[in-house]
PDB file of N, CA and C in Angstrom:
ATOM      1  N   MET A   1      -7.420 -14.715   7.563  1.00  0.00           N
ATOM      2  CA  MET A   1      -7.844 -15.706   6.615  1.00  0.00           C
ATOM      3  C   MET A   1      -7.182 -16.477   6.807  1.00  0.00           C
ATOM      4  N   THR A   2      -7.367 -17.843   6.513  1.00  0.00           N
ATOM      5  CA  THR A   2      -7.262 -19.010   5.950  1.00  0.00           C
ATOM      6  C   THR A   2      -6.744 -18.811   4.563  1.00  0.00           C
ATOM      7  N   PRO A   3      -5.405 -19.792   4.399  1.00  0.00           N
ATOM      8  CA  PRO A   3      -4.918 -19.591   2.877  1.00  0.00           C
ATOM      9  C   PRO A   3      -6.333 -20.510   1.869  1.00  0.00           C
ATOM     10  N   ALA A   4      -7.150 -20.844   2.480  1.00  0.00           N
ATOM     11  CA  ALA A   4      -8.406 -21.518   1.534  1.00  0.00           C
ATOM     12  C   ALA A   4      -9.190 -20.250   1.026  1.00  0.00           C
ATOM     13  N   ALA A   5      -9.500 -19.567   2.517  1.00  0.00           N
ATOM     14  CA  ALA A   5     -10.517 -18.258   1.847  1.00  0.00           C
ATOM     15  C   ALA A   5      -9.859 -17.624   1.268  1.00  0.00           C
ATOM     16  N   HIS A   6      -8.464 -16.762   0.944  1.00  0.00           N
ATOM     17  CA  HIS A   6      -7.835 -16.314   0.198  1.00  0.00           C
ATOM     18  C   HIS A   6      -7.979 -17.025  -1.332  1.00  0.00           C
ATOM     19  N   GLN A   7      -7.736 -18.301  -1.749  1.00  0.00           N
ATOM     20  CA  GLN A   7      -8.272 -18.555  -3.098  1.00  0.00           C
ATOM     21  C   GLN A   7      -9.981 -18.708  -3.521  1.00  0.00           C
ATOM     22  N   SER A   8     -10.393 -18.923  -2.217  1.00  0.00           N
ATOM     23  CA  SER A   8     -12.498 -18.063  -2.912  1.00  0.00           C
ATOM     24  C   SER A   8     -12.425 -16.604  -3.164  1.00  0.00           C
ATOM     25  N   THR A   9     -11.578 -15.488  -2.771  1.00  0.00           N
ATOM     26  CA  THR A   9     -11.798 -14.573  -3.343  1.00  0.00           C
ATOM     27  C   THR A   9     -11.784 -14.250  -4.868  1.00  0.00           C
ATOM     28  N   PRO A  10     -12.839 -13.772  -5.023  1.00  0.00           N
ATOM     29  CA  PRO A  10     -13.084 -13.822  -6.363  1.00  0.00           C
ATOM     30  C   PRO A  10     -11.563 -12.692  -6.792  1.00  0.00           C
ATOM     31  N   ILE A  11     -11.240 -12.698  -8.295  1.00  0.00           N
ATOM     32  CA  ILE A  11     -10.133 -12.371  -8.474  1.00  0.00           C
ATOM     33  C   ILE A  11      -9.984 -10.712  -8.620  1.00  0.00           C
ATOM     34  N   ALA A  12     -11.470 -10.120  -8.762  1.00  0.00           N
ATOM     35  CA  ALA A  12     -11.860  -8.801  -8.699  1.00  0.00           C
ATOM     36  C   ALA A  12     -11.739  -8.099  -7.659  1.00  0.00           C
ATOM     37  N   ASP A  13     -11.841  -9.150  -6.677  1.00  0.00           N
ATOM     38  CA  ASP A  13     -11.738  -8.682  -5.101  1.00  0.00           C
ATOM     39  C   ASP A  13     -10.698  -8.472  -4.329  1.00  0.00           C
ATOM     40  N   VAL A  14      -9.893  -8.777  -5.650  1.00  0.00           N
ATOM     41  CA  VAL A  14      -8.099  -8.919  -4.898  1.00  0.00           C
ATOM     42  C   VAL A  14      -7.507  -7.366  -4.993  1.00  0.00           C
ATOM     43  N   PRO A  15      -6.732  -7.127  -3.572  1.00  0.00           N
ATOM     44  CA  PRO A  15      -6.379  -5.455  -3.953  1.00  0.00           C
ATOM     45  C   PRO A  15      -5.210  -5.822  -4.527  1.00  0.00           C
ATOM     46  N   THR A  16      -5.152  -4.660  -5.232  1.00  0.00           N
ATOM     47  CA  THR A  16      -3.695  -3.800  -6.568  1.00  0.00           C
ATOM     48  C   THR A  16      -3.172  -2.980  -5.904  1.00  0.00           C
ATOM     49  N   ALA A  17      -2.257  -2.831  -6.310  1.00  0.00           N
ATOM     50  CA  ALA A  17      -1.193  -1.841  -5.929  1.00  0.00           C
ATOM     51  C   ALA A  17      -2.421  -0.291  -6.256  1.00  0.00           C
ATOM     52  N   ALA A  18      -2.614  -0.586  -7.791  1.00  0.00           N
ATOM     53  CA  ALA A  18      -3.498   0.713  -8.153  1.00  0.00           C
ATOM     54  C   ALA A  18      -4.626   1.444  -7.254  1.00  0.00           C
ATOM     55  N   ALA A  19      -5.242  -0.094  -6.342  1.00  0.00           N
ATOM     56  CA  ALA A  19      -6.552   0.408  -5.491  1.00  0.00           C
ATOM     57  C   ALA A  19      -5.233   1.053  -4.187  1.00  0.00           C
ATOM     58  N   LEU A  20      -4.666   0.504  -3.659  1.00  0.00           N
ATOM     59  CA  LEU A  20      -4.002   0.752  -2.658  1.00  0.00           C
ATOM     60  C   LEU A  20      -3.646   1.896  -2.563  1.00  0.00           C
ATOM     61  N   HIS A  21      -3.066   2.609  -3.630  1.00  0.00           N
ATOM     62  CA  HIS A  21      -2.300   3.857  -4.606  1.00  0.00           C
ATOM     63  C   HIS A  21      -3.475   4.753  -4.325  1.00  0.00           C
ATOM     64  N   ALA A  22      -4.914   4.433  -4.893  1.00  0.00           N
ATOM     65  CA  ALA A  22      -5.883   5.717  -4.609  1.00  0.00           C
ATOM     66  C   ALA A  22      -6.873   5.366  -3.169  1.00  0.00           C
ATOM     67  N   ALA A  23      -6.238   4.897  -2.753  1.00  0.00           N
ATOM     68  CA  ALA A  23      -6.996   4.967  -0.968  1.00  0.00           C
ATOM     69  C   ALA A  23      -6.005   6.010  -0.272  1.00  0.00           C
ATOM     70  N   LEU A  24      -4.914   5.334  -0.457  1.00  0.00           N
ATOM     71  CA  LEU A  24      -3.976   6.071   0.355  1.00  0.00           C
ATOM     72  C   LEU A  24      -3.698   7.747  -0.076  1.00  0.00           C
ATOM     73  N   ALA A  25      -4.016   8.049  -1.801  1.00  0.00           N
ATOM     74  CA  ALA A  25      -3.649   9.428  -2.120  1.00  0.00           C
ATOM     75  C   ALA A  25      -5.326  10.184  -1.565  1.00  0.00           C
ATOM     76  N   ALA A  26      -6.226   9.520  -1.639  1.00  0.00           N
ATOM     77  CA  ALA A  26      -7.379  10.281  -0.806  1.00  0.00           C
ATOM     78  C   ALA A  26      -7.700  10.302   0.835  1.00  0.00           C
ATOM     79  N   ALA A  27      -6.888   9.610   1.129  1.00  0.00           N
ATOM     80  CA  ALA A  27      -7.150   9.775   3.008  1.00  0.00           C
ATOM     81  C   ALA A  27      -5.763  10.836   3.791  1.00  0.00           C
ATOM     82  N   LEU A  28      -4.704  10.373   2.801  1.00  0.00           N
ATOM     83  CA  LEU A  28      -3.130  10.953   3.496  1.00  0.00           C
ATOM     84  C   LEU A  28      -2.807  12.051   2.457  1.00  0.00           C
ATOM     85  N   ALA A  29      -3.297  12.627   1.557  1.00  0.00           N
ATOM     86  CA  ALA A  29      -2.769  13.947   0.458  1.00  0.00           C
ATOM     87  C   ALA A  29      -1.410  13.704   0.495  1.00  0.00           C
ATOM     88  N   PRO A  30      -0.661  12.601   0.341  1.00  0.00           N
ATOM     89  CA  PRO A  30       0.378  12.773   0.362  1.00  0.00           C
ATOM     90  C   PRO A  30       1.656  13.606  -0.769  1.00  0.00           C
ATOM     91  N   PHE A  31       2.813  13.700  -0.425  1.00  0.00           N
ATOM     92  CA  PHE A  31       3.476  14.423  -1.225  1.00  0.00           C
ATOM     93  C   PHE A  31       4.687  13.591  -1.903  1.00  0.00           C
ATOM     94  N   PHE A  32       4.484  12.281  -1.581  1.00  0.00           N
ATOM     95  CA  PHE A  32       5.190  11.249  -2.101  1.00  0.00           C
ATOM     96  C   PHE A  32       4.208  10.140  -1.798  1.00  0.00           C
ATOM     97  N   LEU A  33       4.361   9.037  -2.674  1.00  0.00           N
ATOM     98  CA  LEU A  33       3.651   8.056  -2.281  1.00  0.00           C
ATOM     99  C   LEU A  33       4.065   6.870  -3.918  1.00  0.00           C
ATOM    100  N   GLU A  34       4.584   5.977  -3.521  1.00  0.00           N
ATOM    101  CA  GLU A  34       4.688   4.544  -4.220  1.00  0.00           C
ATOM    102  C   GLU A  34       4.341   3.734  -3.268  1.00  0.00           C
ATOM    103  N   VAL A  35       3.474   2.244  -4.432  1.00  0.00           N
ATOM    104  CA  VAL A  35       2.983   1.110  -3.755  1.00  0.00           C
ATOM    105  C   VAL A  35       3.388   0.389  -4.686  1.00  0.00           C
ATOM    106  N   LEU A  36       3.937  -0.901  -4.297  1.00  0.00           N
ATOM    107  CA  LEU A  36       4.754  -1.940  -4.748  1.00  0.00           C
ATOM    108  C   LEU A  36       3.612  -3.163  -4.634  1.00  0.00           C
ATOM    109  N   ASP A  37       3.590  -3.977  -5.383  1.00  0.00           N
ATOM    110  CA  ASP A  37       3.046  -5.439  -5.105  1.00  0.00           C
ATOM    111  C   ASP A  37       4.385  -6.184  -4.934  1.00  0.00           C
ATOM    112  N   GLU A  38       4.692  -6.766  -4.047  1.00  0.00           N
ATOM    113  CA  GLU A  38       5.287  -8.033  -3.684  1.00  0.00           C
ATOM    114  C   GLU A  38       5.215  -9.300  -3.777  1.00  0.00           C
ATOM    115  N   SER A  39       3.815  -9.327  -3.765  1.00  0.00           N
ATOM    116  CA  SER A  39       3.307 -10.683  -3.356  1.00  0.00           C
ATOM    117  C   SER A  39       3.926 -12.088  -4.415  1.00  0.00           C
ATOM    118  N   ALA A  40       4.239 -11.726  -5.690  1.00  0.00           N
ATOM    119  CA  ALA A  40       5.354 -13.058  -6.454  1.00  0.00           C
ATOM    120  C   ALA A  40       6.357 -13.137  -5.934  1.00  0.00           C
ATOM    121  N   ALA A  41       7.111 -12.551  -5.040  1.00  0.00           N
ATOM    122  CA  ALA A  41       8.308 -12.558  -4.115  1.00  0.00           C
ATOM    123  C   ALA A  41       7.901 -13.750  -2.960  1.00  0.00           C
ATOM    124  N   HIS A  42       6.676 -13.929  -2.376  1.00  0.00           N
ATOM    125  CA  HIS A  42       6.150 -14.304  -1.210  1.00  0.00           C
ATOM    126  C   HIS A  42       5.409 -15.767  -2.197  1.00  0.00           C
ATOM    127  N   ALA A  43       5.741 -16.436  -3.162  1.00  0.00           N
ATOM    128  CA  ALA A  43       4.783 -17.159  -3.837  1.00  0.00           C
ATOM    129  C   ALA A  43       4.954 -18.552  -2.445  1.00  0.00           C
ATOM    130  N   GLY A  44       3.887 -19.580  -2.121  1.00  0.00           N
ATOM    131  CA  GLY A  44       4.048 -20.017  -1.152  1.00  0.00           C
ATOM    132  C   GLY A  44       4.017 -19.864   0.372  1.00  0.00           C
ATOM    133  N   HIS A  45       4.035 -18.559   0.781  1.00  0.00           N
ATOM    134  CA  HIS A  45       4.561 -18.611   1.954  1.00  0.00           C
ATOM    135  C   HIS A  45       3.050 -18.197   2.523  1.00  0.00           C
ATOM    136  N   ALA A  46       2.886 -18.158   4.041  1.00  0.00           N
ATOM    137  CA  ALA A  46       1.481 -17.974   4.678  1.00  0.00           C
ATOM    138  C   ALA A  46       0.999 -16.660   3.959  1.00  0.00           C
ATOM    139  N   GLY A  47      -0.045 -16.362   3.718  1.00  0.00           N
ATOM    140  CA  GLY A  47      -0.871 -15.178   3.148  1.00  0.00           C
ATOM    141  C   GLY A  47      -0.819 -15.277   1.969  1.00  0.00           C
ATOM    142  N   ALA A  48       0.003 -16.126   0.906  1.00  0.00           N
ATOM    143  CA  ALA A  48      -0.249 -15.809  -0.495  1.00  0.00           C
ATOM    144  C   ALA A  48      -1.539 -16.552  -0.938  1.00  0.00           C
ATOM    145  N   ASN A  49      -1.803 -15.958  -1.557  1.00  0.00           N
ATOM    146  CA  ASN A  49      -3.294 -16.502  -2.475  1.00  0.00           C
ATOM    147  C   ASN A  49      -2.942 -17.813  -3.966  1.00  0.00           C
ATOM    148  N   GLY A  50      -1.788 -17.608  -3.901  1.00  0.00           N
ATOM    149  CA  GLY A  50      -1.704 -18.422  -5.232  1.00  0.00           C
ATOM    150  C   GLY A  50      -1.748 -18.083  -6.572  1.00  0.00           C
ATOM    151  N   LEU A  51      -2.121 -16.382  -6.591  1.00  0.00           N
ATOM    152  CA  LEU A  51      -2.326 -15.673  -7.923  1.00  0.00           C
ATOM    153  C   LEU A  51      -0.769 -14.964  -8.131  1.00  0.00           C
ATOM    154  N   GLY A  52      -0.262 -14.905  -6.547  1.00  0.00           N
ATOM    155  CA  GLY A  52       1.018 -13.737  -7.509  1.00  0.00           C
ATOM    156  C   GLY A  52       1.157 -12.329  -7.501  1.00  0.00           C
ATOM    157  N   TYR A  53      -0.264 -12.094  -6.801  1.00  0.00           N
ATOM    158  CA  TYR A  53      -0.452 -10.716  -6.481  1.00  0.00           C
ATOM    159  C   TYR A  53      -1.548 -10.523  -5.287  1.00  0.00           C
ATOM    160  N   GLY A  54      -1.229  -9.141  -4.955  1.00  0.00           N
ATOM    161  CA  GLY A  54      -2.602  -8.671  -4.094  1.00  0.00           C
ATOM    162  C   GLY A  54      -2.472  -8.996  -2.741  1.00  0.00           C
ATOM    163  N   THR A  55      -1.699  -9.352  -1.966  1.00  0.00           N
ATOM    164  CA  THR A  55      -1.275 -10.379  -0.368  1.00  0.00           C
ATOM    165  C   THR A  55      -0.230  -9.430  -0.200  1.00  0.00           C
ATOM    166  N   HIS A  56       0.694  -9.103  -0.591  1.00  0.00           N
ATOM    167  CA  HIS A  56       1.905  -8.715   0.423  1.00  0.00           C
ATOM    168  C   HIS A  56       2.378  -7.026  -0.392  1.00  0.00           C
ATOM    169  N   PHE A  57       2.490  -5.984   0.056  1.00  0.00           N
ATOM    170  CA  PHE A  57       2.953  -4.363  -0.726  1.00  0.00           C
ATOM    171  C   PHE A  57       3.665  -3.906   0.184  1.00  0.00           C
ATOM    172  N   LYS A  58       4.573  -3.153  -0.444  1.00  0.00           N
ATOM    173  CA  LYS A  58       5.413  -2.273   0.163  1.00  0.00           C
ATOM    174  C   LYS A  58       4.717  -0.775  -0.275  1.00  0.00           C
ATOM    175  N   VAL A  59       4.601   0.007   0.796  1.00  0.00           N
ATOM    176  CA  VAL A  59       4.285   1.418   0.118  1.00  0.00           C
ATOM    177  C   VAL A  59       4.977   2.481   1.208  1.00  0.00           C
ATOM    178  N   ARG A  60       5.522   3.310   0.371  1.00  0.00           N
ATOM    179  CA  ARG A  60       6.897   4.612   0.489  1.00  0.00           C
ATOM    180  C   ARG A  60       5.889   5.816   0.763  1.00  0.00           C
ATOM    181  N   VAL A  61       5.526   6.120   1.438  1.00  0.00           N
ATOM    182  CA  VAL A  61       4.676   7.557   1.466  1.00  0.00           C
ATOM    183  C   VAL A  61       5.024   8.666   2.632  1.00  0.00           C
ATOM    184  N   GLY A  62       5.258   9.805   2.172  1.00  0.00           N
ATOM    185  CA  GLY A  62       5.220  11.097   2.895  1.00  0.00           C
ATOM    186  C   GLY A  62       3.797  11.726   2.967  1.00  0.00           C
ATOM    187  N   SER A  63       3.351  12.285   3.928  1.00  0.00           N
ATOM    188  CA  SER A  63       2.358  13.385   3.978  1.00  0.00           C
ATOM    189  C   SER A  63       2.459  14.466   5.327  1.00  0.00           C
ATOM    190  N   PRO A  64       1.651  15.544   4.871  1.00  0.00           N
ATOM    191  CA  PRO A  64       1.722  16.219   5.932  1.00  0.00           C
ATOM    192  C   PRO A  64       0.850  16.125   7.190  1.00  0.00           C
ATOM    193  N   LEU A  65       0.161  15.101   7.029  1.00  0.00           N
ATOM    194  CA  LEU A  65      -0.604  14.431   8.072  1.00  0.00           C
ATOM    195  C   LEU A  65       0.258  13.707   9.088  1.00  0.00           C
ATOM    196  N   PHE A  66       1.676  13.317   8.798  1.00  0.00           N
ATOM    197  CA  PHE A  66       2.310  12.630   9.590  1.00  0.00           C
ATOM    198  C   PHE A  66       3.226  13.772  10.515  1.00  0.00           C
ATOM    199  N   ALA A  67       3.083  15.138  10.432  1.00  0.00           N
ATOM    200  CA  ALA A  67       3.929  15.872  11.170  1.00  0.00           C
ATOM    201  C   ALA A  67       3.440  16.026  12.442  1.00  0.00           C
ATOM    202  N   GLY A  68       4.565  15.914  13.363  1.00  0.00           N
ATOM    203  CA  GLY A  68       4.278  15.578  14.714  1.00  0.00           C
ATOM    204  C   GLY A  68       4.049  14.534  15.320  1.00  0.00           C
ATOM    205  N   LYS A  69       3.633  13.799  14.171  1.00  0.00           N
ATOM    206  CA  LYS A  69       3.411  12.508  14.781  1.00  0.00           C
ATOM    207  C   LYS A  69       4.363  11.266  15.133  1.00  0.00           C
ATOM    208  N   SER A  70       4.449  10.502  16.582  1.00  0.00           N
ATOM    209  CA  SER A  70       5.109   9.031  16.076  1.00  0.00           C
ATOM    210  C   SER A  70       4.975   8.847  15.118  1.00  0.00           C
ATOM    211  N   ARG A  71       5.979   7.425  15.181  1.00  0.00           N
ATOM    212  CA  ARG A  71       5.704   7.132  13.992  1.00  0.00           C
ATOM    213  C   ARG A  71       4.881   5.730  13.677  1.00  0.00           C
ATOM    214  N   VAL A  72       4.718   5.306  15.285  1.00  0.00           N
ATOM    215  CA  VAL A  72       3.439   4.382  15.181  1.00  0.00           C
ATOM    216  C   VAL A  72       2.056   5.264  15.073  1.00  0.00           C
ATOM    217  N   ALA A  73       2.040   6.404  15.128  1.00  0.00           N
ATOM    218  CA  ALA A  73       0.952   6.947  15.219  1.00  0.00           C
ATOM    219  C   ALA A  73       0.891   6.904  13.338  1.00  0.00           C
ATOM    220  N   ALA A  74       2.057   7.772  12.488  1.00  0.00           N
ATOM    221  CA  ALA A  74       1.871   7.895  11.124  1.00  0.00           C
ATOM    222  C   ALA A  74       1.555   6.255  10.507  1.00  0.00           C
ATOM    223  N   HIS A  75       2.275   5.199  11.106  1.00  0.00           N
ATOM    224  CA  HIS A  75       1.659   4.033  10.464  1.00  0.00           C
ATOM    225  C   HIS A  75       0.054   3.506  10.901  1.00  0.00           C
ATOM    226  N   ARG A  76      -0.474   3.943  12.165  1.00  0.00           N
ATOM    227  CA  ARG A  76      -2.040   3.937  12.047  1.00  0.00           C
ATOM    228  C   ARG A  76      -2.663   4.395  11.370  1.00  0.00           C
ATOM    229  N   LEU A  77      -2.364   5.586  10.800  1.00  0.00           N
ATOM    230  CA  LEU A  77      -2.685   6.261   9.705  1.00  0.00           C
ATOM    231  C   LEU A  77      -3.030   5.528   8.276  1.00  0.00           C
ATOM    232  N   VAL A  78      -2.148   5.206   8.238  1.00  0.00           N
ATOM    233  CA  VAL A  78      -1.783   4.159   6.754  1.00  0.00           C
ATOM    234  C   VAL A  78      -2.832   2.586   6.883  1.00  0.00           C
ATOM    235  N   TYR A  79      -2.573   1.962   7.853  1.00  0.00           N
ATOM    236  CA  TYR A  79      -3.263   1.074   8.303  1.00  0.00           C
ATOM    237  C   TYR A  79      -4.807   1.211   8.144  1.00  0.00           C
ATOM    238  N   ASP A  80      -5.120   2.840   8.705  1.00  0.00           N
ATOM    239  CA  ASP A  80      -6.864   2.742   9.062  1.00  0.00           C
ATOM    240  C   ASP A  80      -7.105   2.897   7.306  1.00  0.00           C
ATOM    241  N   ALA A  81      -6.350   3.934   6.358  1.00  0.00           N
ATOM    242  CA  ALA A  81      -6.450   4.011   5.333  1.00  0.00           C
ATOM    243  C   ALA A  81      -7.095   2.751   4.223  1.00  0.00           C
ATOM    244  N   LEU A  82      -5.909   1.786   4.280  1.00  0.00           N
ATOM    245  CA  LEU A  82      -6.307   0.324   3.998  1.00  0.00           C
ATOM    246  C   LEU A  82      -7.188  -0.668   4.919  1.00  0.00           C
ATOM    247  N   ARG A  83      -7.873  -0.375   5.549  1.00  0.00           N
ATOM    248  CA  ARG A  83      -8.937  -0.805   6.530  1.00  0.00           C
ATOM    249  C   ARG A  83      -9.210  -2.332   5.394  1.00  0.00           C
ATOM    250  N   ASN A  84     -10.001  -1.570   4.344  1.00  0.00           N
ATOM    251  CA  ASN A  84     -10.686  -2.028   3.745  1.00  0.00           C
ATOM    252  C   ASN A  84     -10.260  -3.612   2.913  1.00  0.00           C
ATOM    253  N   PHE A  85      -9.053  -3.004   2.433  1.00  0.00           N
ATOM    254  CA  PHE A  85      -8.195  -3.957   1.590  1.00  0.00           C
ATOM    255  C   PHE A  85      -7.834  -5.262   2.546  1.00  0.00           C
ATOM    256  N   THR A  86      -7.697  -5.598   3.839  1.00  0.00           N
ATOM    257  CA  THR A  86      -7.486  -6.446   4.638  1.00  0.00           C
ATOM    258  C   THR A  86      -8.383  -7.688   4.531  1.00  0.00           C
ATOM    259  N   ASP A  87      -9.797  -7.440   4.740  1.00  0.00           N
ATOM    260  CA  ASP A  87     -10.843  -7.901   4.530  1.00  0.00           C
ATOM    261  C   ASP A  87     -10.463  -9.024   2.716  1.00  0.00           C
ATOM    262  N   ALA A  88     -10.132  -8.148   2.003  1.00  0.00           N
ATOM    263  CA  ALA A  88      -9.963  -8.850   0.470  1.00  0.00           C
ATOM    264  C   ALA A  88      -8.516  -9.136   0.212  1.00  0.00           C
ATOM    265  N   GLY A  89      -7.855  -9.454   1.015  1.00  0.00           N
ATOM    266  CA  GLY A  89      -6.694 -10.691   0.811  1.00  0.00           C
ATOM    267  C   GLY A  89      -5.273 -10.169   1.500  1.00  0.00           C
ATOM    268  N   LEU A  90      -5.102  -8.413   1.659  1.00  0.00           N
ATOM    269  CA  LEU A  90      -3.979  -8.059   2.090  1.00  0.00           C
ATOM    270  C   LEU A  90      -3.667  -8.407   3.028  1.00  0.00           C
ATOM    271  N   HIS A  91      -2.482  -9.463   2.980  1.00  0.00           N
ATOM    272  CA  HIS A  91      -1.623  -9.969   4.169  1.00  0.00           C
ATOM    273  C   HIS A  91      -0.478  -9.581   5.123  1.00  0.00           C
ATOM    274  N   ALA A  92       0.089  -8.699   4.085  1.00  0.00           N
ATOM    275  CA  ALA A  92       1.243  -8.291   4.970  1.00  0.00           C
ATOM    276  C   ALA A  92       1.801  -6.701   3.938  1.00  0.00           C
ATOM    277  N   LEU A  93       1.930  -5.545   4.930  1.00  0.00           N
ATOM    278  CA  LEU A  93       2.173  -3.964   4.671  1.00  0.00           C
ATOM    279  C   LEU A  93       3.350  -3.795   5.201  1.00  0.00           C
ATOM    280  N   ALA A  94       4.616  -3.677   4.524  1.00  0.00           N
ATOM    281  CA  ALA A  94       6.253  -3.382   4.855  1.00  0.00           C
ATOM    282  C   ALA A  94       5.448  -1.024   4.626  1.00  0.00           C
ATOM    283  N   ILE A  95       5.677  -0.590   5.390  1.00  0.00           N
ATOM    284  CA  ILE A  95       5.364   0.500   5.415  1.00  0.00           C
ATOM    285  C   ILE A  95       6.788   1.208   5.700  1.00  0.00           C
ATOM    286  N   GLU A  96       7.278   2.346   4.633  1.00  0.00           N
ATOM    287  CA  GLU A  96       8.433   3.340   4.589  1.00  0.00           C
ATOM    288  C   GLU A  96       7.993   4.654   4.600  1.00  0.00           C
ATOM    289  N   LEU A  97       8.173   5.080   6.151  1.00  0.00           N
ATOM    290  CA  LEU A  97       7.535   6.791   5.769  1.00  0.00           C
ATOM    291  C   LEU A  97       9.002   7.680   5.249  1.00  0.00           C
ATOM    292  N   ILE A  98       8.419   8.719   4.293  1.00  0.00           N
ATOM    293  CA  ILE A  98       9.048   9.396   3.907  1.00  0.00           C
ATOM    294  C   ILE A  98       8.927  10.456   4.373  1.00  0.00           C
ATOM    295  N   PRO A  99       9.758  11.366   4.751  1.00  0.00           N
ATOM    296  CA  PRO A  99      10.068  12.965   5.564  1.00  0.00           C
ATOM    297  C   PRO A  99      10.356  13.983   4.081  1.00  0.00           C
ATOM    298  N   SER A 100       9.874  15.010   4.199  1.00  0.00           N
ATOM    299  CA  SER A 100       9.731  15.513   3.316  1.00  0.00           C
ATOM    300  C   SER A 100      10.799  16.758   2.660  1.00  0.00           C
ATOM    301  N   ALA A 101      12.119  16.364   3.728  1.00  0.00           N
ATOM    302  CA  ALA A 101      13.737  16.748   3.232  1.00  0.00           C
ATOM    303  C   ALA A 101      13.562  15.823   2.446  1.00  0.00           C
ATOM    304  N   ASN A 102      13.368  14.640   2.347  1.00  0.00           N
ATOM    305  CA  ASN A 102      14.176  13.379   1.338  1.00  0.00           C
ATOM    306  C   ASN A 102      13.167  13.852  -0.165  1.00  0.00           C
ATOM    307  N   VAL A 103      12.680  14.544  -0.143  1.00  0.00           N
ATOM    308  CA  VAL A 103      11.747  14.766  -1.232  1.00  0.00           C
ATOM    309  C   VAL A 103      12.070  16.047  -2.433  1.00  0.00           C
ATOM    310  N   SER A 104      12.229  15.340  -3.442  1.00  0.00           N
ATOM    311  CA  SER A 104      13.405  16.174  -4.778  1.00  0.00           C
ATOM    312  C   SER A 104      11.552  16.806  -5.794  1.00  0.00           C
ATOM    313  N   PRO A 105      11.692  18.009  -6.576  1.00  0.00           N
ATOM    314  CA  PRO A 105      10.469  18.159  -7.313  1.00  0.00           C
ATOM    315  C   PRO A 105      10.471  16.658  -8.170  1.00  0.00           C
ATOM    316  N   PRO A 106       9.341  16.776  -8.553  1.00  0.00           N
ATOM    317  CA  PRO A 106       8.532  15.456  -9.527  1.00  0.00           C
ATOM    318  C   PRO A 106       9.091  15.625 -10.939  1.00  0.00           C
ATOM    319  N   VAL A 107       9.366  14.678 -11.148  1.00  0.00           N
ATOM    320  CA  VAL A 107       9.701  14.211 -12.858  1.00  0.00           C
ATOM    321  C   VAL A 107       8.755  13.494 -13.252  1.00  0.00           C
ATOM    322  N   ALA A 108       8.297  13.781 -15.073  1.00  0.00           N
ATOM    323  CA  ALA A 108       7.772  13.029 -15.568  1.00  0.00           C
ATOM    324  C   ALA A 108       7.724  11.543 -15.206  1.00  0.00           C
ATOM    325  N   GLY A 109       6.858  10.722 -15.188  1.00  0.00           N
ATOM    326  CA  GLY A 109       6.614   9.349 -14.744  1.00  0.00           C
ATOM    327  C   GLY A 109       7.104   8.641 -13.619  1.00  0.00           C
ATOM    328  N   SER A 110       7.860   9.832 -12.350  1.00  0.00           N
ATOM    329  CA  SER A 110       7.566   9.626 -11.195  1.00  0.00           C
ATOM    330  C   SER A 110       6.468   9.392 -10.411  1.00  0.00           C
ATOM    331  N   PRO A 111       6.807   8.750  -9.020  1.00  0.00           N
ATOM    332  CA  PRO A 111       5.400   8.325  -8.371  1.00  0.00           C
ATOM    333  C   PRO A 111       4.665   9.370  -7.688  1.00  0.00           C
ATOM    334  N   LEU A 112       5.245  10.939  -8.043  1.00  0.00           N
ATOM    335  CA  LEU A 112       4.644  11.959  -7.517  1.00  0.00           C
ATOM    336  C   LEU A 112       3.958  12.862  -8.787  1.00  0.00           C
ATOM    337  N   MET A 113       3.949  12.346  -9.530  1.00  0.00           N
ATOM    338  CA  MET A 113       3.015  12.687 -11.159  1.00  0.00           C
ATOM    339  C   MET A 113       1.533  12.353 -10.451  1.00  0.00           C
ATOM    340  N   PRO A 114       0.979  13.571 -10.766  1.00  0.00           N
ATOM    341  CA  PRO A 114      -0.900  13.029 -10.661  1.00  0.00           C
ATOM    342  C   PRO A 114      -1.342  12.285 -11.921  1.00  0.00           C
ATOM    343  N   SER A 115      -0.444  12.388 -12.750  1.00  0.00           N
ATOM    344  CA  SER A 115      -0.533  11.450 -14.144  1.00  0.00           C
ATOM    345  C   SER A 115      -0.997   9.907 -14.317  1.00  0.00           C
ATOM    346  N   ASP A 116       0.359   9.371 -13.302  1.00  0.00           N
ATOM    347  CA  ASP A 116       0.405   8.283 -12.810  1.00  0.00           C
ATOM    348  C   ASP A 116      -0.437   7.674 -12.041  1.00  0.00           C
ATOM    349  N   VAL A 117      -1.278   8.547 -11.047  1.00  0.00           N
ATOM    350  CA  VAL A 117      -2.161   8.439 -10.554  1.00  0.00           C
ATOM    351  C   VAL A 117      -3.364   7.482 -11.073  1.00  0.00           C
TER     352      VAL A 117
END
């Protein structure tokens, strides 16, 4: 998409961290999930929409579906879960895979708590 196309996207259709979180949670049944909108840090860069949100995201995710898969295959599962968001302005996605051994028990307010979803 061209920058002009991003600017013509209705604000209601701009991807949000909450929407990406919901899509990933539904598709991957993760034991850890964190979605950060880093769009404001990329204002003026290629793919920015001029709103300061909705274009550049960082995802930290761990899922049992990644077991036995290569990093490329695990990333493909993440991209597939977010495919609908690319047409709505998602321009850049940084993915950090979290192995199950690196996860501690959830605490209130953490990305692991269902109440935060």
